[in-house]
Amino acid sequence: MKRAAIVLAVLGLSSCGTESGRVYDNNDLQLLTSYAAKELCSCIFVMKQSEDFCNAWTKAAPDIKTWKADYAATAIDTQAGLFFSARARYLGRRHGCVLEK
């Protein structure tokens, strides 16, 4: 009985990693720009902090992102390299900042 439980546990654990989820091509830069856009947007428009504070708060190592705030559209645009960019927009108190596709 104990041996059967161990075998079932091993089979269960071995099947955990076989699901295919969302795949990020070139994930480091893609995730960096998306994370930075969302966090900078939240810092500036939700927490109402200064750009200098928010830039230091979202600093990554190595810090290769560039960003700009669009106060008219309440949005943040980030870029890393030539091909990776993201935009997060503040939608209001209820929804906060969300990434645009």
PDB file of N, CA and C in Angstrom:
ATOM      1  N   MET A   1       0.820  -1.189   0.000  1.00  0.00           N
ATOM      2  CA  MET A   1       0.000   0.000   0.000  1.00  0.00           C
ATOM      3  C   MET A   1       0.868   1.258   0.000  1.00  0.00           C
ATOM      4  N   LYS A   2       1.895   1.260   0.836  1.00  0.00           N
ATOM      5  CA  LYS A   2       2.787   2.405   0.923  1.00  0.00           C
ATOM      6  C   LYS A   2       3.555   2.587  -0.395  1.00  0.00           C
ATOM      7  N   ARG A   3       3.942   1.463  -0.980  1.00  0.00           N
ATOM      8  CA  ARG A   3       4.686   1.503  -2.249  1.00  0.00           C
ATOM      9  C   ARG A   3       3.798   2.066  -3.363  1.00  0.00           C
ATOM     10  N   ALA A   4       2.538   1.727  -3.396  1.00  0.00           N
ATOM     11  CA  ALA A   4       1.610   2.230  -4.412  1.00  0.00           C
ATOM     12  C   ALA A   4       1.417   3.731  -4.259  1.00  0.00           C
ATOM     13  N   ALA A   5       1.369   4.206  -3.018  1.00  0.00           N
ATOM     14  CA  ALA A   5       1.210   5.648  -2.784  1.00  0.00           C
ATOM     15  C   ALA A   5       2.438   6.409  -3.274  1.00  0.00           C
ATOM     16  N   ILE A   6       3.619   5.848  -3.066  1.00  0.00           N
ATOM     17  CA  ILE A   6       4.847   6.494  -3.513  1.00  0.00           C
ATOM     18  C   ILE A   6       4.897   6.545  -5.032  1.00  0.00           C
ATOM     19  N   VAL A   7       4.511   5.446  -5.676  1.00  0.00           N
ATOM     20  CA  VAL A   7       4.510   5.400  -7.138  1.00  0.00           C
ATOM     21  C   VAL A   7       3.528   6.431  -7.693  1.00  0.00           C
ATOM     22  N   LEU A   8       2.345   6.533  -7.110  1.00  0.00           N
ATOM     23  CA  LEU A   8       1.362   7.515  -7.571  1.00  0.00           C
ATOM     24  C   LEU A   8       1.865   8.947  -7.361  1.00  0.00           C
ATOM     25  N   ALA A   9       2.535   9.186  -6.246  1.00  0.00           N
ATOM     26  CA  ALA A   9       3.076  10.520  -5.990  1.00  0.00           C
ATOM     27  C   ALA A   9       4.142  10.892  -7.009  1.00  0.00           C
ATOM     28  N   VAL A  10       5.021   9.948  -7.335  1.00  0.00           N
ATOM     29  CA  VAL A  10       6.074  10.210  -8.319  1.00  0.00           C
ATOM     30  C   VAL A  10       5.461  10.461  -9.693  1.00  0.00           C
ATOM     31  N   LEU A  11       4.465   9.698 -10.072  1.00  0.00           N
ATOM     32  CA  LEU A  11       3.808   9.904 -11.362  1.00  0.00           C
ATOM     33  C   LEU A  11       3.089  11.245 -11.409  1.00  0.00           C
ATOM     34  N   GLY A  12       2.473  11.617 -10.324  1.00  0.00           N
ATOM     35  CA  GLY A  12       1.786  12.902 -10.261  1.00  0.00           C
ATOM     36  C   GLY A  12       2.743  14.068 -10.385  1.00  0.00           C
ATOM     37  N   LEU A  13       3.866  13.988  -9.696  1.00  0.00           N
ATOM     38  CA  LEU A  13       4.852  15.065  -9.765  1.00  0.00           C
ATOM     39  C   LEU A  13       5.528  15.150 -11.120  1.00  0.00           C
ATOM     40  N   SER A  14       5.728  14.018 -11.757  1.00  0.00           N
ATOM     41  CA  SER A  14       6.399  14.039 -13.051  1.00  0.00           C
ATOM     42  C   SER A  14       5.524  14.637 -14.148  1.00  0.00           C
ATOM     43  N   SER A  15       4.227  14.668 -13.948  1.00  0.00           N
ATOM     44  CA  SER A  15       3.335  15.230 -14.969  1.00  0.00           C
ATOM     45  C   SER A  15       3.086  16.716 -14.767  1.00  0.00           C
ATOM     46  N   CYS A  16       3.613  17.312 -13.701  1.00  0.00           N
ATOM     47  CA  CYS A  16       3.347  18.726 -13.413  1.00  0.00           C
ATOM     48  C   CYS A  16       3.942  19.665 -14.444  1.00  0.00           C
ATOM     49  N   GLY A  17       5.077  19.370 -14.987  1.00  0.00           N
ATOM     50  CA  GLY A  17       5.751  20.297 -15.876  1.00  0.00           C
ATOM     51  C   GLY A  17       5.445  20.109 -17.344  1.00  0.00           C
ATOM     52  N   THR A  18       4.450  19.350 -17.700  1.00  0.00           N
ATOM     53  CA  THR A  18       4.214  19.064 -19.109  1.00  0.00           C
ATOM     54  C   THR A  18       3.193  19.980 -19.759  1.00  0.00           C
ATOM     55  N   GLU A  19       2.547  20.858 -19.009  1.00  0.00           N
ATOM     56  CA  GLU A  19       1.563  21.740 -19.613  1.00  0.00           C
ATOM     57  C   GLU A  19       2.265  22.807 -20.426  1.00  0.00           C
ATOM     58  N   SER A  20       1.676  23.136 -21.559  1.00  0.00           N
ATOM     59  CA  SER A  20       2.270  24.201 -22.368  1.00  0.00           C
ATOM     60  C   SER A  20       1.524  25.490 -22.075  1.00  0.00           C
ATOM     61  N   GLY A  21       2.231  26.456 -21.514  1.00  0.00           N
ATOM     62  CA  GLY A  21       1.642  27.750 -21.199  1.00  0.00           C
ATOM     63  C   GLY A  21       2.082  28.773 -22.217  1.00  0.00           C
ATOM     64  N   ARG A  22       1.946  30.014 -21.861  1.00  0.00           N
ATOM     65  CA  ARG A  22       2.359  31.099 -22.746  1.00  0.00           C
ATOM     66  C   ARG A  22       3.877  31.100 -22.871  1.00  0.00           C
ATOM     67  N   VAL A  23       4.352  31.210 -24.073  1.00  0.00           N
ATOM     68  CA  VAL A  23       5.783  31.206 -24.336  1.00  0.00           C
ATOM     69  C   VAL A  23       6.208  32.629 -24.688  1.00  0.00           C
ATOM     70  N   TYR A  24       7.220  33.123 -24.008  1.00  0.00           N
ATOM     71  CA  TYR A  24       7.771  34.439 -24.297  1.00  0.00           C
ATOM     72  C   TYR A  24       9.038  34.262 -25.125  1.00  0.00           C
ATOM     73  N   ASP A  25       9.034  34.754 -26.344  1.00  0.00           N
ATOM     74  CA  ASP A  25      10.253  34.779 -27.141  1.00  0.00           C
ATOM     75  C   ASP A  25      11.101  35.935 -26.634  1.00  0.00           C
ATOM     76  N   ASN A  26      12.396  35.699 -26.492  1.00  0.00           N
ATOM     77  CA  ASN A  26      13.299  36.739 -26.000  1.00  0.00           C
ATOM     78  C   ASN A  26      12.766  37.335 -24.699  1.00  0.00           C
ATOM     79  N   ASN A  27      12.434  36.485 -23.765  1.00  0.00           N
ATOM     80  CA  ASN A  27      11.656  36.874 -22.613  1.00  0.00           C
ATOM     81  C   ASN A  27      12.299  37.904 -21.712  1.00  0.00           C
ATOM     82  N   ASP A  28      13.610  37.972 -21.607  1.00  0.00           N
ATOM     83  CA  ASP A  28      14.218  38.914 -20.673  1.00  0.00           C
ATOM     84  C   ASP A  28      13.850  40.350 -20.998  1.00  0.00           C
ATOM     85  N   LEU A  29      14.040  40.775 -22.219  1.00  0.00           N
ATOM     86  CA  LEU A  29      13.744  42.156 -22.582  1.00  0.00           C
ATOM     87  C   LEU A  29      12.248  42.427 -22.665  1.00  0.00           C
ATOM     88  N   GLN A  30      11.495  41.445 -23.090  1.00  0.00           N
ATOM     89  CA  GLN A  30      10.045  41.612 -23.158  1.00  0.00           C
ATOM     90  C   GLN A  30       9.456  41.766 -21.756  1.00  0.00           C
ATOM     91  N   LEU A  31       9.886  40.927 -20.841  1.00  0.00           N
ATOM     92  CA  LEU A  31       9.392  41.026 -19.479  1.00  0.00           C
ATOM     93  C   LEU A  31       9.895  42.283 -18.786  1.00  0.00           C
ATOM     94  N   LEU A  32      11.140  42.678 -19.057  1.00  0.00           N
ATOM     95  CA  LEU A  32      11.693  43.893 -18.469  1.00  0.00           C
ATOM     96  C   LEU A  32      10.872  45.116 -18.835  1.00  0.00           C
ATOM     97  N   THR A  33      10.553  45.273 -20.109  1.00  0.00           N
ATOM     98  CA  THR A  33       9.802  46.449 -20.527  1.00  0.00           C
ATOM     99  C   THR A  33       8.373  46.433 -19.985  1.00  0.00           C
ATOM    100  N   SER A  34       7.743  45.276 -19.971  1.00  0.00           N
ATOM    101  CA  SER A  34       6.376  45.191 -19.455  1.00  0.00           C
ATOM    102  C   SER A  34       6.325  45.473 -17.959  1.00  0.00           C
ATOM    103  N   TYR A  35       7.234  44.870 -17.214  1.00  0.00           N
ATOM    104  CA  TYR A  35       7.296  45.094 -15.768  1.00  0.00           C
ATOM    105  C   TYR A  35       7.560  46.568 -15.471  1.00  0.00           C
ATOM    106  N   ALA A  36       8.522  47.153 -16.161  1.00  0.00           N
ATOM    107  CA  ALA A  36       8.875  48.540 -15.912  1.00  0.00           C
ATOM    108  C   ALA A  36       7.707  49.471 -16.223  1.00  0.00           C
ATOM    109  N   ALA A  37       7.016  49.243 -17.334  1.00  0.00           N
ATOM    110  CA  ALA A  37       5.884  50.094 -17.701  1.00  0.00           C
ATOM    111  C   ALA A  37       4.796  50.032 -16.638  1.00  0.00           C
ATOM    112  N   LYS A  38       4.452  48.848 -16.201  1.00  0.00           N
ATOM    113  CA  LYS A  38       3.392  48.682 -15.197  1.00  0.00           C
ATOM    114  C   LYS A  38       3.785  49.305 -13.862  1.00  0.00           C
ATOM    115  N   GLU A  39       5.010  49.049 -13.414  1.00  0.00           N
ATOM    116  CA  GLU A  39       5.436  49.563 -12.113  1.00  0.00           C
ATOM    117  C   GLU A  39       5.634  51.081 -12.139  1.00  0.00           C
ATOM    118  N   LEU A  40       6.185  51.607 -13.222  1.00  0.00           N
ATOM    119  CA  LEU A  40       6.335  53.058 -13.324  1.00  0.00           C
ATOM    120  C   LEU A  40       4.977  53.747 -13.369  1.00  0.00           C
ATOM    121  N   CYS A  41       4.047  53.174 -14.102  1.00  0.00           N
ATOM    122  CA  CYS A  41       2.697  53.722 -14.164  1.00  0.00           C
ATOM    123  C   CYS A  41       2.060  53.748 -12.777  1.00  0.00           C
ATOM    124  N   SER A  42       2.169  52.657 -12.058  1.00  0.00           N
ATOM    125  CA  SER A  42       1.596  52.590 -10.707  1.00  0.00           C
ATOM    126  C   SER A  42       2.268  53.590  -9.773  1.00  0.00           C
ATOM    127  N   CYS A  43       3.564  53.711  -9.885  1.00  0.00           N
ATOM    128  CA  CYS A  43       4.310  54.613  -9.015  1.00  0.00           C
ATOM    129  C   CYS A  43       3.940  56.073  -9.276  1.00  0.00           C
ATOM    130  N   ILE A  44       3.881  56.454 -10.549  1.00  0.00           N
ATOM    131  CA  ILE A  44       3.631  57.854 -10.896  1.00  0.00           C
ATOM    132  C   ILE A  44       2.161  58.233 -10.771  1.00  0.00           C
ATOM    133  N   PHE A  45       1.262  57.418 -11.311  1.00  0.00           N
ATOM    134  CA  PHE A  45      -0.140  57.813 -11.385  1.00  0.00           C
ATOM    135  C   PHE A  45      -0.994  57.315 -10.218  1.00  0.00           C
ATOM    136  N   VAL A  46      -0.638  56.197  -9.613  1.00  0.00           N
ATOM    137  CA  VAL A  46      -1.418  55.688  -8.480  1.00  0.00           C
ATOM    138  C   VAL A  46      -0.847  56.218  -7.165  1.00  0.00           C
ATOM    139  N   MET A  47       0.469  56.038  -6.981  1.00  0.00           N
ATOM    140  CA  MET A  47       1.102  56.462  -5.732  1.00  0.00           C
ATOM    141  C   MET A  47       1.481  57.941  -5.748  1.00  0.00           C
ATOM    142  N   LYS A  48       1.429  58.573  -6.949  1.00  0.00           N
ATOM    143  CA  LYS A  48       1.708  59.998  -7.117  1.00  0.00           C
ATOM    144  C   LYS A  48       3.095  60.397  -6.603  1.00  0.00           C
ATOM    145  N   GLN A  49       4.091  59.598  -6.969  1.00  0.00           N
ATOM    146  CA  GLN A  49       5.482  59.879  -6.609  1.00  0.00           C
ATOM    147  C   GLN A  49       6.166  60.627  -7.755  1.00  0.00           C
ATOM    148  N   SER A  50       7.341  61.161  -7.487  1.00  0.00           N
ATOM    149  CA  SER A  50       8.088  61.888  -8.510  1.00  0.00           C
ATOM    150  C   SER A  50       8.725  60.906  -9.505  1.00  0.00           C
ATOM    151  N   GLU A  51       9.080  61.412 -10.673  1.00  0.00           N
ATOM    152  CA  GLU A  51       9.734  60.574 -11.680  1.00  0.00           C
ATOM    153  C   GLU A  51      11.070  60.049 -11.178  1.00  0.00           C
ATOM    154  N   ASP A  52      11.825  60.880 -10.471  1.00  0.00           N
ATOM    155  CA  ASP A  52      13.121  60.442  -9.937  1.00  0.00           C
ATOM    156  C   ASP A  52      12.952  59.295  -8.946  1.00  0.00           C
ATOM    157  N   PHE A  53      11.977  59.413  -8.046  1.00  0.00           N
ATOM    158  CA  PHE A  53      11.721  58.347  -7.081  1.00  0.00           C
ATOM    159  C   PHE A  53      11.323  57.064  -7.801  1.00  0.00           C
ATOM    160  N   CYS A  54      10.415  57.174  -8.758  1.00  0.00           N
ATOM    161  CA  CYS A  54       9.910  55.991  -9.460  1.00  0.00           C
ATOM    162  C   CYS A  54      10.982  55.337 -10.317  1.00  0.00           C
ATOM    163  N   ASN A  55      11.854  56.127 -10.912  1.00  0.00           N
ATOM    164  CA  ASN A  55      12.942  55.564 -11.690  1.00  0.00           C
ATOM    165  C   ASN A  55      13.871  54.747 -10.793  1.00  0.00           C
ATOM    166  N   ALA A  56      14.173  55.266  -9.619  1.00  0.00           N
ATOM    167  CA  ALA A  56      15.021  54.523  -8.672  1.00  0.00           C
ATOM    168  C   ALA A  56      14.289  53.293  -8.138  1.00  0.00           C
ATOM    169  N   TRP A  57      12.986  53.396  -7.944  1.00  0.00           N
ATOM    170  CA  TRP A  57      12.183  52.309  -7.379  1.00  0.00           C
ATOM    171  C   TRP A  57      12.083  51.120  -8.331  1.00  0.00           C
ATOM    172  N   THR A  58      12.102  51.387  -9.630  1.00  0.00           N
ATOM    173  CA  THR A  58      11.958  50.317 -10.624  1.00  0.00           C
ATOM    174  C   THR A  58      13.279  49.948 -11.282  1.00  0.00           C
ATOM    175  N   LYS A  59      14.364  50.393 -10.731  1.00  0.00           N
ATOM    176  CA  LYS A  59      15.680  50.137 -11.336  1.00  0.00           C
ATOM    177  C   LYS A  59      15.995  48.646 -11.299  1.00  0.00           C
ATOM    178  N   ALA A  60      16.458  48.137 -12.430  1.00  0.00           N
ATOM    179  CA  ALA A  60      16.864  46.734 -12.549  1.00  0.00           C
ATOM    180  C   ALA A  60      18.344  46.717 -12.906  1.00  0.00           C
ATOM    181  N   ALA A  61      18.961  45.600 -12.700  1.00  0.00           N
ATOM    182  CA  ALA A  61      20.385  45.475 -13.025  1.00  0.00           C
ATOM    183  C   ALA A  61      20.550  44.402 -14.097  1.00  0.00           C
ATOM    184  N   PRO A  62      21.061  44.685 -15.238  1.00  0.00           N
ATOM    185  CA  PRO A  62      21.477  45.999 -15.725  1.00  0.00           C
ATOM    186  C   PRO A  62      20.270  46.815 -16.160  1.00  0.00           C
ATOM    187  N   ASP A  63      20.353  48.113 -15.968  1.00  0.00           N
ATOM    188  CA  ASP A  63      19.237  49.005 -16.280  1.00  0.00           C
ATOM    189  C   ASP A  63      19.359  49.460 -17.731  1.00  0.00           C
ATOM    190  N   ILE A  64      18.727  48.725 -18.626  1.00  0.00           N
ATOM    191  CA  ILE A  64      18.851  49.023 -20.054  1.00  0.00           C
ATOM    192  C   ILE A  64      17.571  49.592 -20.647  1.00  0.00           C
ATOM    193  N   LYS A  65      16.589  49.865 -19.820  1.00  0.00           N
ATOM    194  CA  LYS A  65      15.326  50.390 -20.332  1.00  0.00           C
ATOM    195  C   LYS A  65      15.376  51.906 -20.442  1.00  0.00           C
ATOM    196  N   THR A  66      14.613  52.434 -21.371  1.00  0.00           N
ATOM    197  CA  THR A  66      14.347  53.858 -21.441  1.00  0.00           C
ATOM    198  C   THR A  66      12.842  54.020 -21.323  1.00  0.00           C
ATOM    199  N   TRP A  67      12.408  55.131 -20.788  1.00  0.00           N
ATOM    200  CA  TRP A  67      10.975  55.314 -20.613  1.00  0.00           C
ATOM    201  C   TRP A  67      10.624  56.791 -20.686  1.00  0.00           C
ATOM    202  N   LYS A  68       9.332  57.028 -20.946  1.00  0.00           N
ATOM    203  CA  LYS A  68       8.815  58.390 -20.915  1.00  0.00           C
ATOM    204  C   LYS A  68       7.385  58.351 -20.406  1.00  0.00           C
ATOM    205  N   ALA A  69       7.031  59.398 -19.710  1.00  0.00           N
ATOM    206  CA  ALA A  69       5.685  59.525 -19.162  1.00  0.00           C
ATOM    207  C   ALA A  69       4.858  60.419 -20.082  1.00  0.00           C
ATOM    208  N   ASP A  70       3.653  59.977 -20.386  1.00  0.00           N
ATOM    209  CA  ASP A  70       2.706  60.758 -21.167  1.00  0.00           C
ATOM    210  C   ASP A  70       1.589  61.173 -20.210  1.00  0.00           C
ATOM    211  N   TYR A  71       1.734  62.360 -19.613  1.00  0.00           N
ATOM    212  CA  TYR A  71       0.778  62.805 -18.594  1.00  0.00           C
ATOM    213  C   TYR A  71      -0.596  63.104 -19.180  1.00  0.00           C
ATOM    214  N   ALA A  72      -0.670  63.513 -20.427  1.00  0.00           N
ATOM    215  CA  ALA A  72      -1.965  63.791 -21.056  1.00  0.00           C
ATOM    216  C   ALA A  72      -2.787  62.511 -21.195  1.00  0.00           C
ATOM    217  N   ALA A  73      -2.118  61.409 -21.538  1.00  0.00           N
ATOM    218  CA  ALA A  73      -2.807  60.126 -21.709  1.00  0.00           C
ATOM    219  C   ALA A  73      -2.718  59.262 -20.455  1.00  0.00           C
ATOM    220  N   THR A  74      -2.090  59.768 -19.391  1.00  0.00           N
ATOM    221  CA  THR A  74      -1.802  59.007 -18.166  1.00  0.00           C
ATOM    222  C   THR A  74      -1.265  57.618 -18.509  1.00  0.00           C
ATOM    223  N   ALA A  75      -0.144  57.631 -19.236  1.00  0.00           N
ATOM    224  CA  ALA A  75       0.459  56.387 -19.704  1.00  0.00           C
ATOM    225  C   ALA A  75       1.973  56.465 -19.595  1.00  0.00           C
ATOM    226  N   ILE A  76       2.593  55.290 -19.551  1.00  0.00           N
ATOM    227  CA  ILE A  76       4.044  55.158 -19.526  1.00  0.00           C
ATOM    228  C   ILE A  76       4.456  54.272 -20.703  1.00  0.00           C
ATOM    229  N   ASP A  77       5.443  54.721 -21.457  1.00  0.00           N
ATOM    230  CA  ASP A  77       6.020  53.937 -22.547  1.00  0.00           C
ATOM    231  C   ASP A  77       7.438  53.554 -22.168  1.00  0.00           C
ATOM    232  N   THR A  78       7.773  52.272 -22.310  1.00  0.00           N
ATOM    233  CA  THR A  78       9.130  51.809 -22.033  1.00  0.00           C
ATOM    234  C   THR A  78       9.683  51.124 -23.270  1.00  0.00           C
ATOM    235  N   GLN A  79      11.009  51.115 -23.343  1.00  0.00           N
ATOM    236  CA  GLN A  79      11.670  50.462 -24.466  1.00  0.00           C
ATOM    237  C   GLN A  79      13.007  49.908 -24.010  1.00  0.00           C
ATOM    238  N   ALA A  80      13.379  48.755 -24.561  1.00  0.00           N
ATOM    239  CA  ALA A  80      14.695  48.152 -24.335  1.00  0.00           C
ATOM    240  C   ALA A  80      15.174  47.630 -25.675  1.00  0.00           C
ATOM    241  N   GLY A  81      16.316  48.069 -26.095  1.00  0.00           N
ATOM    242  CA  GLY A  81      16.788  47.679 -27.421  1.00  0.00           C
ATOM    243  C   GLY A  81      15.939  48.354 -28.481  1.00  0.00           C
ATOM    244  N   LEU A  82      15.954  47.814 -29.663  1.00  0.00           N
ATOM    245  CA  LEU A  82      15.182  48.404 -30.757  1.00  0.00           C
ATOM    246  C   LEU A  82      13.811  47.771 -30.935  1.00  0.00           C
ATOM    247  N   PHE A  83      13.616  46.563 -30.423  1.00  0.00           N
ATOM    248  CA  PHE A  83      12.416  45.810 -30.762  1.00  0.00           C
ATOM    249  C   PHE A  83      11.455  45.568 -29.606  1.00  0.00           C
ATOM    250  N   PHE A  84      11.835  45.906 -28.387  1.00  0.00           N
ATOM    251  CA  PHE A  84      11.015  45.551 -27.232  1.00  0.00           C
ATOM    252  C   PHE A  84      10.476  46.812 -26.580  1.00  0.00           C
ATOM    253  N   SER A  85       9.161  46.888 -26.481  1.00  0.00           N
ATOM    254  CA  SER A  85       8.539  48.046 -25.863  1.00  0.00           C
ATOM    255  C   SER A  85       7.234  47.625 -25.199  1.00  0.00           C
ATOM    256  N   ALA A  86       6.765  48.466 -24.304  1.00  0.00           N
ATOM    257  CA  ALA A  86       5.498  48.202 -23.615  1.00  0.00           C
ATOM    258  C   ALA A  86       4.869  49.537 -23.254  1.00  0.00           C
ATOM    259  N   ARG A  87       3.567  49.506 -23.046  1.00  0.00           N
ATOM    260  CA  ARG A  87       2.823  50.707 -22.641  1.00  0.00           C
ATOM    261  C   ARG A  87       1.834  50.312 -21.561  1.00  0.00           C
ATOM    262  N   ALA A  88       1.838  51.062 -20.482  1.00  0.00           N
ATOM    263  CA  ALA A  88       0.866  50.867 -19.406  1.00  0.00           C
ATOM    264  C   ALA A  88       0.086  52.165 -19.254  1.00  0.00           C
ATOM    265  N   ARG A  89      -1.211  52.034 -19.076  1.00  0.00           N
ATOM    266  CA  ARG A  89      -2.089  53.197 -18.968  1.00  0.00           C
ATOM    267  C   ARG A  89      -2.860  53.142 -17.650  1.00  0.00           C
ATOM    268  N   TYR A  90      -3.000  54.300 -17.028  1.00  0.00           N
ATOM    269  CA  TYR A  90      -3.790  54.426 -15.804  1.00  0.00           C
ATOM    270  C   TYR A  90      -5.259  54.566 -16.182  1.00  0.00           C
ATOM    271  N   LEU A  91      -6.092  53.639 -15.695  1.00  0.00           N
ATOM    272  CA  LEU A  91      -7.511  53.631 -16.052  1.00  0.00           C
ATOM    273  C   LEU A  91      -8.415  54.199 -14.975  1.00  0.00           C
ATOM    274  N   GLY A  92      -7.862  54.597 -13.867  1.00  0.00           N
ATOM    275  CA  GLY A  92      -8.685  55.165 -12.806  1.00  0.00           C
ATOM    276  C   GLY A  92      -8.489  54.415 -11.497  1.00  0.00           C
ATOM    277  N   ARG A  93      -9.156  54.898 -10.460  1.00  0.00           N
ATOM    278  CA  ARG A  93      -8.973  54.338  -9.119  1.00  0.00           C
ATOM    279  C   ARG A  93      -9.387  52.868  -9.026  1.00  0.00           C
ATOM    280  N   ARG A  94     -10.389  52.486  -9.742  1.00  0.00           N
ATOM    281  CA  ARG A  94     -10.888  51.118  -9.646  1.00  0.00           C
ATOM    282  C   ARG A  94      -9.944  50.098 -10.291  1.00  0.00           C
ATOM    283  N   HIS A  95      -9.377  50.416 -11.434  1.00  0.00           N
ATOM    284  CA  HIS A  95      -8.557  49.462 -12.187  1.00  0.00           C
ATOM    285  C   HIS A  95      -7.068  49.742 -12.091  1.00  0.00           C
ATOM    286  N   GLY A  96      -6.664  50.937 -11.715  1.00  0.00           N
ATOM    287  CA  GLY A  96      -5.241  51.250 -11.621  1.00  0.00           C
ATOM    288  C   GLY A  96      -4.584  51.249 -12.982  1.00  0.00           C
ATOM    289  N   CYS A  97      -3.357  50.754 -13.054  1.00  0.00           N
ATOM    290  CA  CYS A  97      -2.599  50.713 -14.297  1.00  0.00           C
ATOM    291  C   CYS A  97      -2.679  49.320 -14.921  1.00  0.00           C
ATOM    292  N   VAL A  98      -2.853  49.291 -16.235  1.00  0.00           N
ATOM    293  CA  VAL A  98      -2.895  48.018 -16.958  1.00  0.00           C
ATOM    294  C   VAL A  98      -1.998  48.118 -18.187  1.00  0.00           C
ATOM    295  N   LEU A  99      -1.443  46.987 -18.578  1.00  0.00           N
ATOM    296  CA  LEU A  99      -0.627  46.935 -19.786  1.00  0.00           C
ATOM    297  C   LEU A  99      -1.530  46.909 -21.010  1.00  0.00           C
ATOM    298  N   GLU A 100      -1.139  47.649 -22.023  1.00  0.00           N
ATOM    299  CA  GLU A 100      -1.844  47.597 -23.291  1.00  0.00           C
ATOM    300  C   GLU A 100      -1.190  46.599 -24.189  1.00  0.00           C
ATOM    301  N   LYS A 101      -1.944  45.988 -25.070  1.00  0.00           N
ATOM    302  CA  LYS A 101      -1.388  45.015 -26.010  1.00  0.00           C
ATOM    303  C   LYS A 101      -0.997  45.673 -27.281  1.00  0.00           C
TER     304      LYS A 101
END
